[in-house]
Structures are given as structure tokens and as C-alpha cells.
């Protein structure tokens, strides 16, 4: 069937040339109309698209650079934060050590003060005890002298009398 069409077309030669000229003319007119009415709009649209794609690529590159800068800044801030945390920790340790030393010093001073106060109280009580003993010895001496004056004693009796008074004095002192 295709052979019949080709043969039919070849037979009518001048019609074919006329058809070619009409189709070519129509095509050229179509090109001129497209150029006059649509070509500038199409080329503007293609140019805008090309510019948009270029801008998008530029924006993507800028965003990539900004992201890298932000990442670097975050890393620097992180490093600074770590350094600051380390400094704070070190400062806290130093402060704790100073506080510990201050507490130890204050405790030693307090212990020393309490020791001195206790020693003062011991010395005072010792002085009071010695004064009391002196009073007791004086009273004992007066009593012994009074009893000696009342009777004449031998050395053994005198010794027994002194021992008796010393024993009595010890019992009195323990009762207090």
C-alpha cells in the first residue's frame, strides 16, 4: 500500500513542488510570527530560568560557606566553653582547697585557744587548791600548835599526831 502512495506522488511532480513551496512558505511565516510575538517572551523566560538557576547555585554555595562558618564558630564556641568549664573547675578546686586550709587554720587556732583556756582554768584551779591546802595546813599547824601547848609529846607521839592530822586533812579534801 505504501508503494502505491509513493508511485502516486511521484507521478504528480509539479504538485509536489507546489506543495513544498507552500509548506516552506508556511513554515517561514510561522517562524516570523513566532519571532515577532513569542520569541522574546520565550527567550526572556529562558533567560529568567537561567538566572534563577544561577542564583540558586550561588545561594547554595553561599549557604554552604555560611554553614561551614557556622560549624567553625560552633566548634570554637564549644572549645571556648570547654576551656571555660575547665577554668571554672580549676577555680572551684582552688577555692575548695583555700576553704579547707582556712577551716584547718581556724580549727587549729580554736584548739589552741581551747587548750590555752583549759590550761588557764587548770592553773587557776591548781592555785585555788594550793590556797585551800595552805589554809588547811595553816589550820592544821595552829591545831597542832594548840595541842602541843596543851600537852608535852614525845617524838613518837608527835609523829602519830601529825600523821593523824594529815589523814584527817586528806579525808576532808576528798569530801570536797
Protein backbone atom coordinates (compact mmCIF):
# COMPACT_ATOMS: atom_id res chain seq x y z
CA UNK A 1 0.00 0.00 0.00
CA UNK A 2 2.87 2.31 0.70
CA UNK A 3 4.24 1.62 -2.75
CA UNK A 4 1.06 2.87 -4.31
CA UNK A 5 1.24 6.21 -2.49
CA UNK A 6 4.85 6.77 -3.40
CA UNK A 7 4.04 5.99 -7.05
CA UNK A 8 1.04 8.29 -6.93
CA UNK A 9 3.14 11.12 -5.50
CA UNK A 10 5.96 10.67 -8.00
CA UNK A 11 3.51 10.85 -10.88
CA UNK A 12 2.17 14.23 -9.90
CA UNK A 13 5.59 16.05 -9.91
CA UNK A 14 4.53 19.69 -10.34
CA UNK A 15 2.04 19.37 -7.50
CA UNK A 16 4.74 18.19 -5.30
CA UNK A 17 6.91 21.21 -5.98
CA UNK A 18 3.96 23.45 -5.28
CA UNK A 19 3.31 21.63 -2.03
CA UNK A 20 6.95 22.01 -0.99
CA UNK A 21 6.83 25.73 -1.74
CA UNK A 22 3.58 26.19 0.19
CA UNK A 23 4.83 24.20 3.19
CA UNK A 24 8.17 26.06 3.18
CA UNK A 25 6.40 29.41 2.91
CA UNK A 26 4.04 28.48 5.71
CA UNK A 27 6.98 27.36 7.81
CA UNK A 28 8.85 30.65 7.21
CA UNK A 29 5.72 32.67 8.03
CA UNK A 30 5.31 30.60 11.17
CA UNK A 31 8.93 31.30 12.13
CA UNK A 32 8.45 35.04 11.54
CA UNK A 33 5.26 35.07 13.63
CA UNK A 34 6.95 33.11 16.41
CA UNK A 35 9.91 35.50 16.31
CA UNK A 36 7.71 38.59 16.37
CA UNK A 37 5.19 37.52 19.02
CA UNK A 38 6.64 34.67 21.08
CA UNK A 39 10.43 34.55 20.67
CA UNK A 40 11.21 37.48 23.00
CA UNK A 41 8.88 36.06 25.66
CA UNK A 42 10.35 32.58 25.29
CA UNK A 43 13.92 33.87 25.37
CA UNK A 44 13.06 36.13 28.36
CA UNK A 45 11.51 33.15 30.11
CA UNK A 46 14.58 31.01 29.35
CA UNK A 47 16.90 33.83 30.48
CA UNK A 48 14.94 34.22 33.73
CA UNK A 49 15.14 30.49 34.29
CA UNK A 50 18.88 30.54 33.60
CA UNK A 51 19.32 33.49 36.01
CA UNK A 52 17.19 31.75 38.65
CA UNK A 53 19.25 28.57 38.35
CA UNK A 54 22.47 30.61 38.57
CA UNK A 55 21.14 32.49 41.61
CA UNK A 56 20.06 29.23 43.22
CA UNK A 57 23.52 27.79 42.65
CA UNK A 58 25.10 30.95 44.07
CA UNK A 59 22.72 30.84 47.03
CA UNK A 60 23.54 27.19 47.59
CA UNK A 61 27.26 27.99 47.52
CA UNK A 62 26.76 30.90 49.92
CA UNK A 63 24.67 28.70 52.20
CA UNK A 64 27.37 26.04 52.11
CA UNK A 65 30.02 28.62 53.02
CA UNK A 66 27.82 30.08 55.78
CA UNK A 67 27.14 26.58 57.12
CA UNK A 68 30.87 25.89 57.21
CA UNK A 69 31.45 29.20 59.01
CA UNK A 70 28.67 28.44 61.49
CA UNK A 71 30.12 24.98 62.08
CA UNK A 72 33.55 26.51 62.68
CA UNK A 73 32.06 29.13 65.02
CA UNK A 74 30.15 26.44 66.92
CA UNK A 75 33.34 24.42 67.25
CA UNK A 76 35.21 27.49 68.50
CA UNK A 77 32.41 28.22 70.98
CA UNK A 78 32.44 24.61 72.09
CA UNK A 79 36.19 24.75 72.61
CA UNK A 80 35.82 28.05 74.48
CA UNK A 81 33.04 26.54 76.62
CA UNK A 82 35.22 23.53 77.40
CA UNK A 83 38.10 25.81 78.30
CA UNK A 84 35.82 27.95 80.45
CA UNK A 85 34.41 24.86 82.17
CA UNK A 86 37.94 23.66 82.83
CA UNK A 87 38.85 27.07 84.28
CA UNK A 88 35.73 27.08 86.45
CA UNK A 89 36.51 23.58 87.68
CA UNK A 90 40.10 24.55 88.43
CA UNK A 91 38.92 27.69 90.22
CA UNK A 92 36.41 25.66 92.24
CA UNK A 93 39.14 23.21 93.25
CA UNK A 94 41.43 26.08 94.27
CA UNK A 95 38.60 27.73 96.19
CA UNK A 96 37.80 24.43 97.91
CA UNK A 97 41.44 23.95 98.82
CA UNK A 98 41.62 27.50 100.22
CA UNK A 99 38.44 26.89 102.21
CA UNK A 100 39.87 23.64 103.52
CA UNK A 101 43.08 25.40 104.54
CA UNK A 102 41.10 28.21 106.20
CA UNK A 103 38.95 25.69 108.08
CA UNK A 104 42.05 23.79 109.20
CA UNK A 105 43.74 27.00 110.32
CA UNK A 106 40.62 28.16 112.17
CA UNK A 107 40.27 24.73 113.78
CA UNK A 108 43.91 24.73 114.87
CA UNK A 109 43.50 28.24 116.27
CA UNK A 110 40.32 27.20 118.09
CA UNK A 111 42.02 24.09 119.50
CA UNK A 112 44.98 26.19 120.60
CA UNK A 113 42.66 28.76 122.20
CA UNK A 114 40.68 26.00 123.96
CA UNK A 115 43.91 24.40 125.15
CA UNK A 116 45.15 27.70 126.48
CA UNK A 117 41.79 28.34 128.18
CA UNK A 118 41.84 24.83 129.68
CA UNK A 119 45.42 25.34 130.84
CA UNK A 120 44.42 28.67 132.40
CA UNK A 121 41.48 27.02 134.16
CA UNK A 122 43.76 24.18 135.34
CA UNK A 123 46.30 26.68 136.64
CA UNK A 124 43.54 28.65 138.38
CA UNK A 125 42.10 25.51 139.98
CA UNK A 126 45.62 24.48 140.96
CA UNK A 127 46.18 27.87 142.60
CA UNK A 128 42.81 27.57 144.37
CA UNK A 129 43.70 24.04 145.51
CA UNK A 130 47.12 25.22 146.75
CA UNK A 131 45.49 28.14 148.56
CA UNK A 132 42.99 25.73 150.12
CA UNK A 133 45.80 23.37 151.10
CA UNK A 134 47.76 26.29 152.54
CA UNK A 135 44.70 27.30 154.56
CA UNK A 136 44.26 23.70 155.69
CA UNK A 137 47.97 23.41 156.56
CA UNK A 138 47.78 26.69 158.43
CA UNK A 139 44.71 25.47 160.31
CA UNK A 140 46.44 22.17 160.93
CA UNK A 141 49.56 23.91 162.14
CA UNK A 142 47.51 26.06 164.51
CA UNK A 143 45.66 22.98 165.76
CA UNK A 144 48.90 21.09 166.19
CA UNK A 145 50.46 24.01 167.99
CA UNK A 146 47.43 24.31 170.26
CA UNK A 147 47.51 20.63 171.11
CA UNK A 148 51.28 20.76 171.63
CA UNK A 149 50.86 23.57 174.02
CA UNK A 150 48.26 21.60 175.92
CA UNK A 151 50.48 18.60 176.39
CA UNK A 152 54.08 17.73 176.01
CA UNK A 153 54.56 14.94 173.45
CA UNK A 154 57.31 12.51 172.77
CA UNK A 155 58.77 12.20 169.23
CA UNK A 156 56.67 9.09 168.52
CA UNK A 157 53.51 10.69 169.83
CA UNK A 158 54.31 13.84 167.90
CA UNK A 159 54.72 11.82 164.69
CA UNK A 160 51.48 9.91 165.32
CA UNK A 161 49.64 13.17 165.92
CA UNK A 162 50.94 14.68 162.63
CA UNK A 163 50.02 11.52 160.70
CA UNK A 164 46.53 11.62 162.25
CA UNK A 165 46.01 15.22 161.17
CA UNK A 166 47.36 14.58 157.64
CA UNK A 167 44.97 11.63 157.27
CA UNK A 168 42.11 13.79 158.51
CA UNK A 169 43.12 16.53 156.10
CA UNK A 170 43.15 14.06 153.19
CA UNK A 171 39.65 12.87 154.15
CA UNK A 172 38.39 16.45 154.33
CA UNK A 173 39.92 17.27 150.96
CA UNK A 174 38.34 14.22 149.34
CA UNK A 175 34.95 15.16 150.76
CA UNK A 176 35.09 18.45 148.95
